[in-house]
Amino acid sequence: MNEYVWPAGSEVPAPNLVRESWEATVAALPAEARITGEVIGRQRFGVFIRIDGVANAIALAEITAMPHRMDLPALGSFVSGQVLGHAAHIHQVKVRLDEWLAADK
């Protein structure tokens, strides 16, 4: 199996549901909010996370927020982090993972 995969399968909300839920997602997850979730996709630029407790919300933790000496979390792993902001044009919540923050200290 390739270590890099796009989010797919029944655990990934349909794009129209993500778009339709966007205002509720932003309201539920303001900047600095805490999130937990499962890694559902992995690319060279970061990981996609299905956010617990917020229907149809997808987060992206990009490598630009990852310390150089760290690796991306594995597909299927559970992670936690903090909301950095929102990318409205692609309906994604931008997050920084706790393990990356801890590594910077």
C-alpha atoms as a PDB file:
ATOM      1  CA  MET A   1       0.000   0.000   0.000  1.00  0.00           C
ATOM      2  CA  ASN A   2       1.210   3.476  -0.851  1.00  0.00           C
ATOM      3  CA  GLU A   3       1.827   5.527   2.290  1.00  0.00           C
ATOM      4  CA  TYR A   4       0.190   8.549   0.634  1.00  0.00           C
ATOM      5  CA  VAL A   5      -3.553   8.310   0.062  1.00  0.00           C
ATOM      6  CA  TRP A   6      -6.382  10.741  -0.503  1.00  0.00           C
ATOM      7  CA  PRO A   7      -9.321  10.606   1.916  1.00  0.00           C
ATOM      8  CA  ALA A   8     -11.799   8.027   0.642  1.00  0.00           C
ATOM      9  CA  GLY A   9     -14.434   5.645   1.851  1.00  0.00           C
ATOM     10  CA  SER A  10     -17.514   5.812   3.997  1.00  0.00           C
ATOM     11  CA  GLU A  11     -15.759   7.826   6.743  1.00  0.00           C
ATOM     12  CA  VAL A  12     -15.261  10.796   4.404  1.00  0.00           C
ATOM     13  CA  PRO A  13     -18.213  13.200   4.091  1.00  0.00           C
ATOM     14  CA  ALA A  14     -19.370  13.988   0.557  1.00  0.00           C
ATOM     15  CA  PRO A  15     -18.021  17.306  -0.805  1.00  0.00           C
ATOM     16  CA  ASN A  16     -21.519  18.812  -1.021  1.00  0.00           C
ATOM     17  CA  LEU A  17     -22.102  18.043   2.684  1.00  0.00           C
ATOM     18  CA  VAL A  18     -18.778  19.668   3.619  1.00  0.00           C
ATOM     19  CA  ARG A  19     -19.765  22.800   1.625  1.00  0.00           C
ATOM     20  CA  GLU A  20     -23.297  22.920   3.032  1.00  0.00           C
ATOM     21  CA  SER A  21     -21.979  22.559   6.601  1.00  0.00           C
ATOM     22  CA  TRP A  22     -19.177  25.111   6.242  1.00  0.00           C
ATOM     23  CA  GLU A  23     -20.780  27.964   8.225  1.00  0.00           C
ATOM     24  CA  ALA A  24     -21.635  25.585  11.080  1.00  0.00           C
ATOM     25  CA  THR A  25     -18.096  24.158  10.976  1.00  0.00           C
ATOM     26  CA  VAL A  26     -16.503  27.607  11.276  1.00  0.00           C
ATOM     27  CA  ALA A  27     -18.880  28.555  14.109  1.00  0.00           C
ATOM     28  CA  ALA A  28     -18.124  25.322  15.998  1.00  0.00           C
ATOM     29  CA  LEU A  29     -14.350  25.534  15.460  1.00  0.00           C
ATOM     30  CA  PRO A  30     -13.037  29.083  15.879  1.00  0.00           C
ATOM     31  CA  ALA A  31      -9.314  29.812  15.861  1.00  0.00           C
ATOM     32  CA  GLU A  32      -7.545  28.227  18.854  1.00  0.00           C
ATOM     33  CA  ALA A  33     -10.345  25.663  19.400  1.00  0.00           C
ATOM     34  CA  ARG A  34      -9.200  22.172  20.366  1.00  0.00           C
ATOM     35  CA  ILE A  35      -9.893  19.266  18.018  1.00  0.00           C
ATOM     36  CA  THR A  36      -9.479  15.507  18.058  1.00  0.00           C
ATOM     37  CA  GLY A  37      -9.983  13.151  15.171  1.00  0.00           C
ATOM     38  CA  GLU A  38      -8.787  10.348  12.944  1.00  0.00           C
ATOM     39  CA  VAL A  39      -6.255  10.688  10.124  1.00  0.00           C
ATOM     40  CA  ILE A  40      -8.230   9.736   7.000  1.00  0.00           C
ATOM     41  CA  GLY A  41      -5.781  10.834   4.302  1.00  0.00           C
ATOM     42  CA  ARG A  42      -2.058  11.366   3.973  1.00  0.00           C
ATOM     43  CA  GLN A  43      -0.148  13.363   1.378  1.00  0.00           C
ATOM     44  CA  ARG A  44       3.391  14.718   1.203  1.00  0.00           C
ATOM     45  CA  PHE A  45       2.047  18.148   2.228  1.00  0.00           C
ATOM     46  CA  GLY A  46       0.124  16.991   5.333  1.00  0.00           C
ATOM     47  CA  VAL A  47      -2.680  14.869   6.756  1.00  0.00           C
ATOM     48  CA  PHE A  48      -6.455  15.095   6.463  1.00  0.00           C
ATOM     49  CA  ILE A  49      -8.410  14.577   9.680  1.00  0.00           C
ATOM     50  CA  ARG A  50     -12.073  13.734  10.256  1.00  0.00           C
ATOM     51  CA  ILE A  51     -12.909  15.925  13.250  1.00  0.00           C
ATOM     52  CA  ASP A  52     -14.748  14.289  16.147  1.00  0.00           C
ATOM     53  CA  GLY A  53     -18.051  15.866  17.152  1.00  0.00           C
ATOM     54  CA  VAL A  54     -18.440  18.196  14.161  1.00  0.00           C
ATOM     55  CA  ALA A  55     -20.440  16.620  11.357  1.00  0.00           C
ATOM     56  CA  ASN A  56     -18.979  16.926   7.860  1.00  0.00           C
ATOM     57  CA  ALA A  57     -15.834  18.773   8.976  1.00  0.00           C
ATOM     58  CA  ILE A  58     -12.418  17.997   7.515  1.00  0.00           C
ATOM     59  CA  ALA A  59      -9.153  19.378   8.869  1.00  0.00           C
ATOM     60  CA  LEU A  60      -5.750  19.619   7.244  1.00  0.00           C
ATOM     61  CA  ALA A  61      -2.529  19.616   9.248  1.00  0.00           C
ATOM     62  CA  GLU A  62       0.102  20.849   6.795  1.00  0.00           C
ATOM     63  CA  ILE A  63       3.809  20.119   7.028  1.00  0.00           C
ATOM     64  CA  THR A  64       4.455  23.864   7.163  1.00  0.00           C
ATOM     65  CA  ALA A  65       3.343  23.596  10.823  1.00  0.00           C
ATOM     66  CA  MET A  66       5.381  20.411  11.479  1.00  0.00           C
ATOM     67  CA  PRO A  67       8.869  20.473  13.016  1.00  0.00           C
ATOM     68  CA  HIS A  68      11.536  19.220  10.582  1.00  0.00           C
ATOM     69  CA  ARG A  69      12.505  16.235  12.716  1.00  0.00           C
ATOM     70  CA  MET A  70       8.951  14.814  12.868  1.00  0.00           C
ATOM     71  CA  ASP A  71       7.021  12.422  10.644  1.00  0.00           C
ATOM     72  CA  LEU A  72       3.415  12.645   9.525  1.00  0.00           C
ATOM     73  CA  PRO A  73       0.984  10.614  11.639  1.00  0.00           C
ATOM     74  CA  ALA A  74      -0.056   7.277  10.180  1.00  0.00           C
ATOM     75  CA  LEU A  75      -3.298   6.723   8.354  1.00  0.00           C
ATOM     76  CA  GLY A  76      -5.949   5.674  10.887  1.00  0.00           C
ATOM     77  CA  SER A  77      -4.179   7.209  13.881  1.00  0.00           C
ATOM     78  CA  PHE A  78      -6.054   9.447  16.303  1.00  0.00           C
ATOM     79  CA  VAL A  79      -4.642  12.924  16.832  1.00  0.00           C
ATOM     80  CA  SER A  80      -5.433  16.128  18.659  1.00  0.00           C
ATOM     81  CA  GLY A  81      -4.536  19.708  17.959  1.00  0.00           C
ATOM     82  CA  GLN A  82      -5.525  23.338  17.751  1.00  0.00           C
ATOM     83  CA  VAL A  83      -7.345  25.235  15.026  1.00  0.00           C
ATOM     84  CA  LEU A  84      -5.053  27.732  13.293  1.00  0.00           C
ATOM     85  CA  GLY A  85      -7.677  29.107  10.935  1.00  0.00           C
ATOM     86  CA  HIS A  86      -9.965  28.267   8.034  1.00  0.00           C
ATOM     87  CA  ALA A  87      -9.516  27.887   4.286  1.00  0.00           C
ATOM     88  CA  ALA A  88     -12.973  28.889   3.062  1.00  0.00           C
ATOM     89  CA  HIS A  89     -12.182  28.385  -0.616  1.00  0.00           C
ATOM     90  CA  ILE A  90     -11.561  24.651  -0.024  1.00  0.00           C
ATOM     91  CA  HIS A  91     -13.741  24.232   3.099  1.00  0.00           C
ATOM     92  CA  GLN A  92     -10.924  22.978   5.343  1.00  0.00           C
ATOM     93  CA  VAL A  93     -10.066  23.699   8.937  1.00  0.00           C
ATOM     94  CA  LYS A  94      -6.316  24.310   9.296  1.00  0.00           C
ATOM     95  CA  VAL A  95      -4.815  22.729  12.417  1.00  0.00           C
ATOM     96  CA  ARG A  96      -1.514  22.233  14.177  1.00  0.00           C
ATOM     97  CA  LEU A  97      -1.141  18.903  15.907  1.00  0.00           C
ATOM     98  CA  ASP A  98      -0.282  18.682  19.604  1.00  0.00           C
ATOM     99  CA  GLU A  99       2.628  16.308  18.932  1.00  0.00           C
ATOM    100  CA  TRP A 100       4.188  18.942  16.687  1.00  0.00           C
ATOM    101  CA  LEU A 101       3.699  21.670  19.272  1.00  0.00           C
ATOM    102  CA  ALA A 102       5.244  19.498  22.004  1.00  0.00           C
ATOM    103  CA  ALA A 103       8.272  18.804  19.808  1.00  0.00           C
ATOM    104  CA  ASP A 104       8.939  22.538  19.478  1.00  0.00           C
ATOM    105  CA  LYS A 105       9.245  22.979  23.260  1.00  0.00           C
END
